[in-house]
């Protein structure tokens, strides 16, 4: 091949490769633009009411004693604890379901900086599925009070033993709701809904019924027996 012919072929080859490369890039651009255009992004949501089946009762026992009455105070609060434990076991609670913390002795001071006594506190909690008995005792502790027990604070917390199964059910409902919404949007634009391309679940919001409480990190309200659990699913569907 002459030098003139080689000089003609090389530019032609380069031009051909450039055209081919441009066609590939343009084709990829069209494919991506079509893929992005033919998707529907929606947010599905689901809410399910449920009722707790586990009760946790937190109690703080307390005794006030003078500066020289610390030993007597420990005896008093030990007797209070024994009365509470006997009442709990009589109500059906197992001893292993009761957690007891050590006694804390906090000094009390007057306005002149003199120690005038101690505040003794002992915390305990009990977890039970026999909610009726435990709830009744917590809401009406008159029997313990008449025995001389000093309850400084009392708190009930309600939990659900099948919460994980409920969350799975809720995610399924929220995903189904997202698909229905995608179909409604697609129907208005003359498209159909194909398979799901991606999905991301939001955090679970467990609240009291008809609550507007919500948080970015989720909510788990334990103060009520009756509850609602809500979740959202952000989904992208392919359109056809």
Protein backbone atom coordinates (compact mmCIF):
# COMPACT_ATOMS: atom_id res chain seq x y z
CA UNK A 1 0.00 0.00 0.00
CA UNK A 2 1.31 3.39 -0.98
CA UNK A 3 2.00 6.14 1.49
CA UNK A 4 -0.93 8.10 0.07
CA UNK A 5 -3.34 5.21 0.62
CA UNK A 6 -2.13 4.67 4.19
CA UNK A 7 -2.60 8.38 4.82
CA UNK A 8 -6.20 8.09 3.70
CA UNK A 9 -7.10 4.87 5.60
CA UNK A 10 -5.84 5.97 9.00
CA UNK A 11 -8.03 9.10 9.27
CA UNK A 12 -10.98 7.10 7.98
CA UNK A 13 -10.43 4.45 10.66
CA UNK A 14 -10.19 7.05 13.37
CA UNK A 15 -13.37 8.74 12.10
CA UNK A 16 -15.20 5.43 12.01
CA UNK A 17 -14.20 4.60 15.57
CA UNK A 18 -15.27 8.05 16.70
CA UNK A 19 -18.69 7.60 15.06
CA UNK A 20 -19.08 4.16 16.65
CA UNK A 21 -18.12 5.46 20.09
CA UNK A 22 -20.53 8.38 19.73
CA UNK A 23 -23.32 5.96 18.78
CA UNK A 24 -22.63 3.79 21.85
CA UNK A 25 -22.58 6.80 24.19
CA UNK A 26 -25.78 8.17 22.64
CA UNK A 27 -27.45 4.77 22.97
CA UNK A 28 -26.49 4.49 26.62
CA UNK A 29 -27.80 7.99 27.22
CA UNK A 30 -31.13 7.12 25.60
CA UNK A 31 -31.33 3.89 27.62
CA UNK A 32 -30.65 5.62 30.92
CA UNK A 33 -33.00 8.48 30.18
CA UNK A 34 -35.74 6.04 29.24
CA UNK A 35 -35.09 3.92 32.36
CA UNK A 36 -35.28 6.99 34.58
CA UNK A 37 -38.36 8.30 32.79
CA UNK A 38 -40.21 4.98 32.98
CA UNK A 39 -40.22 4.66 36.78
CA UNK A 40 -42.79 5.70 39.37
CA UNK A 41 -41.71 6.70 42.85
CA UNK A 42 -44.32 6.49 45.61
CA UNK A 43 -44.60 6.27 49.38
CA UNK A 44 -46.87 3.62 50.85
CA UNK A 45 -48.04 3.57 54.46
CA UNK A 46 -49.79 1.17 56.80
CA UNK A 47 -51.15 1.40 60.34
CA UNK A 48 -52.24 -1.53 62.50
CA UNK A 49 -53.87 -1.26 65.94
CA UNK A 50 -52.82 -3.78 68.59
CA UNK A 51 -52.95 -4.38 72.32
CA UNK A 52 -50.06 -5.09 74.66
CA UNK A 53 -49.80 -8.49 76.36
CA UNK A 54 -46.84 -7.87 78.70
CA UNK A 55 -46.80 -5.44 81.62
CA UNK A 56 -43.74 -4.03 83.38
CA UNK A 57 -44.17 -2.29 86.71
CA UNK A 58 -41.34 -0.11 88.02
CA UNK A 59 -41.41 0.81 91.71
CA UNK A 60 -39.16 2.93 93.89
CA UNK A 61 -39.43 2.36 97.66
CA UNK A 62 -38.33 5.16 99.95
CA UNK A 63 -37.60 5.88 103.62
CA UNK A 64 -36.51 9.11 105.31
CA UNK A 65 -34.30 8.67 108.38
CA UNK A 66 -32.36 11.00 110.72
CA UNK A 67 -28.53 11.16 110.63
CA UNK A 68 -28.20 8.42 113.24
CA UNK A 69 -31.03 6.26 111.85
CA UNK A 70 -29.32 4.78 108.82
CA UNK A 71 -29.23 1.24 110.17
CA UNK A 72 -32.88 1.38 111.16
CA UNK A 73 -33.72 2.81 107.72
CA UNK A 74 -32.14 -0.18 106.00
CA UNK A 75 -34.25 -2.50 108.15
CA UNK A 76 -37.41 -0.55 107.28
CA UNK A 77 -36.80 -0.59 103.55
CA UNK A 78 -35.90 -4.30 103.66
CA UNK A 79 -39.23 -4.96 105.36
CA UNK A 80 -40.99 -2.88 102.69
CA UNK A 81 -39.32 -4.89 99.95
CA UNK A 82 -40.35 -8.15 101.60
CA UNK A 83 -43.99 -6.99 101.77
CA UNK A 84 -43.96 -6.01 98.09
CA UNK A 85 -42.37 -9.30 97.00
CA UNK A 86 -44.91 -11.32 99.01
CA UNK A 87 -47.77 -9.37 97.44
CA UNK A 88 -46.37 -9.82 93.94
CA UNK A 89 -45.91 -13.58 94.29
CA UNK A 90 -49.38 -13.85 95.83
CA UNK A 91 -50.67 -12.13 92.69
CA UNK A 92 -49.07 -14.74 90.43
CA UNK A 93 -45.71 -13.14 89.62
CA UNK A 94 -42.71 -15.46 89.60
CA UNK A 95 -39.76 -14.43 91.73
CA UNK A 96 -37.43 -14.68 88.73
CA UNK A 97 -39.56 -12.07 86.97
CA UNK A 98 -38.71 -9.50 89.64
CA UNK A 99 -35.54 -7.43 89.39
CA UNK A 100 -34.26 -5.71 92.54
CA UNK A 101 -31.60 -2.98 92.69
CA UNK A 102 -29.36 -2.16 95.72
CA UNK A 103 -30.45 0.46 98.24
CA UNK A 104 -29.16 3.98 97.67
CA UNK A 105 -28.66 6.28 100.68
CA UNK A 106 -28.66 9.96 99.70
CA UNK A 107 -27.86 12.52 102.41
CA UNK A 108 -30.23 15.42 103.06
CA UNK A 109 -28.81 18.87 103.93
CA UNK A 110 -30.35 21.94 105.48
CA UNK A 111 -29.80 25.52 104.33
CA UNK A 112 -26.70 25.83 106.52
CA UNK A 113 -24.97 22.81 105.02
CA UNK A 114 -25.69 20.49 107.94
CA UNK A 115 -26.63 16.91 107.24
CA UNK A 116 -30.11 16.37 108.62
CA UNK A 117 -30.76 12.80 107.53
CA UNK A 118 -30.84 10.34 104.67
CA UNK A 119 -33.27 9.42 101.91
CA UNK A 120 -33.08 5.68 101.30
CA UNK A 121 -34.36 4.42 97.95
CA UNK A 122 -34.65 0.97 96.45
CA UNK A 123 -35.79 0.31 92.88
CA UNK A 124 -37.41 -2.87 91.60
CA UNK A 125 -39.45 -3.99 88.63
CA UNK A 126 -41.66 -6.92 87.76
CA UNK A 127 -42.61 -8.23 84.33
CA UNK A 128 -45.78 -10.26 83.96
CA UNK A 129 -48.21 -11.57 81.35
CA UNK A 130 -50.92 -11.64 84.00
CA UNK A 131 -51.63 -8.01 83.27
CA UNK A 132 -54.94 -7.73 85.11
CA UNK A 133 -53.61 -8.69 88.54
CA UNK A 134 -50.46 -6.61 88.30
CA UNK A 135 -52.21 -3.59 86.82
CA UNK A 136 -54.84 -3.71 89.57
CA UNK A 137 -52.17 -3.70 92.27
CA UNK A 138 -50.25 -0.86 90.64
CA UNK A 139 -53.32 1.33 90.15
CA UNK A 140 -54.66 0.65 93.63
CA UNK A 141 -51.72 0.06 96.02
CA UNK A 142 -53.83 0.65 99.13
CA UNK A 143 -53.01 -2.80 100.49
CA UNK A 144 -49.29 -2.04 100.45
CA UNK A 145 -49.81 1.45 101.86
CA UNK A 146 -51.85 0.17 104.79
CA UNK A 147 -48.94 -2.13 105.61
CA UNK A 148 -46.69 0.93 105.87
CA UNK A 149 -44.88 0.61 102.54
CA UNK A 150 -43.70 3.98 101.20
CA UNK A 151 -43.81 4.03 97.38
CA UNK A 152 -41.98 7.08 96.07
CA UNK A 153 -42.69 6.42 92.41
CA UNK A 154 -44.65 3.91 90.37
CA UNK A 155 -44.69 3.46 86.59
CA UNK A 156 -46.44 1.02 84.27
CA UNK A 157 -45.02 0.10 80.86
CA UNK A 158 -46.87 -1.97 78.24
CA UNK A 159 -45.16 -4.21 75.65
CA UNK A 160 -46.18 -6.69 72.97
CA UNK A 161 -44.54 -10.11 72.69
CA UNK A 162 -45.18 -10.51 68.91
CA UNK A 163 -43.95 -7.08 67.84
CA UNK A 164 -41.42 -8.52 65.32
CA UNK A 165 -44.13 -10.49 63.48
CA UNK A 166 -46.34 -7.42 63.51
CA UNK A 167 -43.56 -5.33 61.94
CA UNK A 168 -43.15 -7.86 59.11
CA UNK A 169 -46.90 -7.80 58.47
CA UNK A 170 -46.88 -4.02 58.47
CA UNK A 171 -44.04 -3.80 55.93
CA UNK A 172 -45.99 -6.07 53.61
CA UNK A 173 -49.10 -3.90 53.94
CA UNK A 174 -47.13 -0.69 53.35
CA UNK A 175 -45.49 -2.16 50.23
CA UNK A 176 -48.88 -3.24 48.89
CA UNK A 177 -50.21 0.25 49.54
CA UNK A 178 -47.25 1.71 47.63
CA UNK A 179 -48.06 -0.47 44.61
CA UNK A 180 -51.72 0.61 44.67
CA UNK A 181 -50.62 4.25 44.68
CA UNK A 182 -48.20 3.59 41.82
CA UNK A 183 -51.00 1.98 39.80
CA UNK A 184 -53.24 4.99 40.42
CA UNK A 185 -50.51 7.34 39.21
CA UNK A 186 -49.68 5.15 36.21
CA UNK A 187 -53.33 4.85 35.24
CA UNK A 188 -53.62 8.60 34.98
CA UNK A 189 -50.66 8.80 32.63
CA UNK A 190 -51.48 5.79 30.46
CA UNK A 191 -48.69 3.60 31.87
CA UNK A 192 -48.71 0.27 33.61
CA UNK A 193 -46.82 -0.85 36.71
CA UNK A 194 -44.21 -3.56 36.42
CA UNK A 195 -41.99 -5.00 39.15
CA UNK A 196 -40.56 -3.05 42.05
CA UNK A 197 -37.09 -1.64 41.35
CA UNK A 198 -36.10 -0.53 44.84
CA UNK A 199 -37.66 0.07 48.24
CA UNK A 200 -36.67 1.65 51.51
CA UNK A 201 -38.62 1.32 54.75
CA UNK A 202 -39.00 4.17 57.19
CA UNK A 203 -38.77 3.84 60.96
CA UNK A 204 -41.61 2.36 62.99
CA UNK A 205 -43.84 4.69 64.98
CA UNK A 206 -45.52 2.92 67.92
CA UNK A 207 -47.92 5.36 69.56
CA UNK A 208 -51.12 5.58 71.52
CA UNK A 209 -54.27 5.45 69.35
CA UNK A 210 -55.03 8.55 67.25
CA UNK A 211 -51.70 10.12 68.15
CA UNK A 212 -49.90 12.67 65.99
CA UNK A 213 -46.56 11.89 67.65
CA UNK A 214 -43.77 11.19 65.19
CA UNK A 215 -39.96 11.25 65.24
CA UNK A 216 -37.19 10.80 62.65
CA UNK A 217 -35.65 8.05 64.79
CA UNK A 218 -39.01 6.38 65.50
CA UNK A 219 -41.36 6.26 68.48
CA UNK A 220 -42.06 3.45 70.93
CA UNK A 221 -44.70 4.59 73.38
CA UNK A 222 -44.97 2.19 76.34
CA UNK A 223 -47.45 4.18 78.42
CA UNK A 224 -50.69 2.70 77.06
CA UNK A 225 -52.13 -0.79 76.68
CA UNK A 226 -53.82 -0.05 73.36
CA UNK A 227 -51.41 1.10 70.64
CA UNK A 228 -50.98 1.74 66.95
CA UNK A 229 -47.94 0.91 64.84
CA UNK A 230 -47.24 2.79 61.60
CA UNK A 231 -44.54 2.51 58.95
CA UNK A 232 -43.88 3.97 55.49
CA UNK A 233 -42.19 2.38 52.51
CA UNK A 234 -40.57 4.52 49.83
CA UNK A 235 -40.69 2.43 46.64
CA UNK A 236 -39.71 2.79 43.01
CA UNK A 237 -41.64 0.75 40.42
CA UNK A 238 -40.73 0.15 36.79
CA UNK A 239 -43.42 1.34 34.40
CA UNK A 240 -44.40 -0.43 31.21
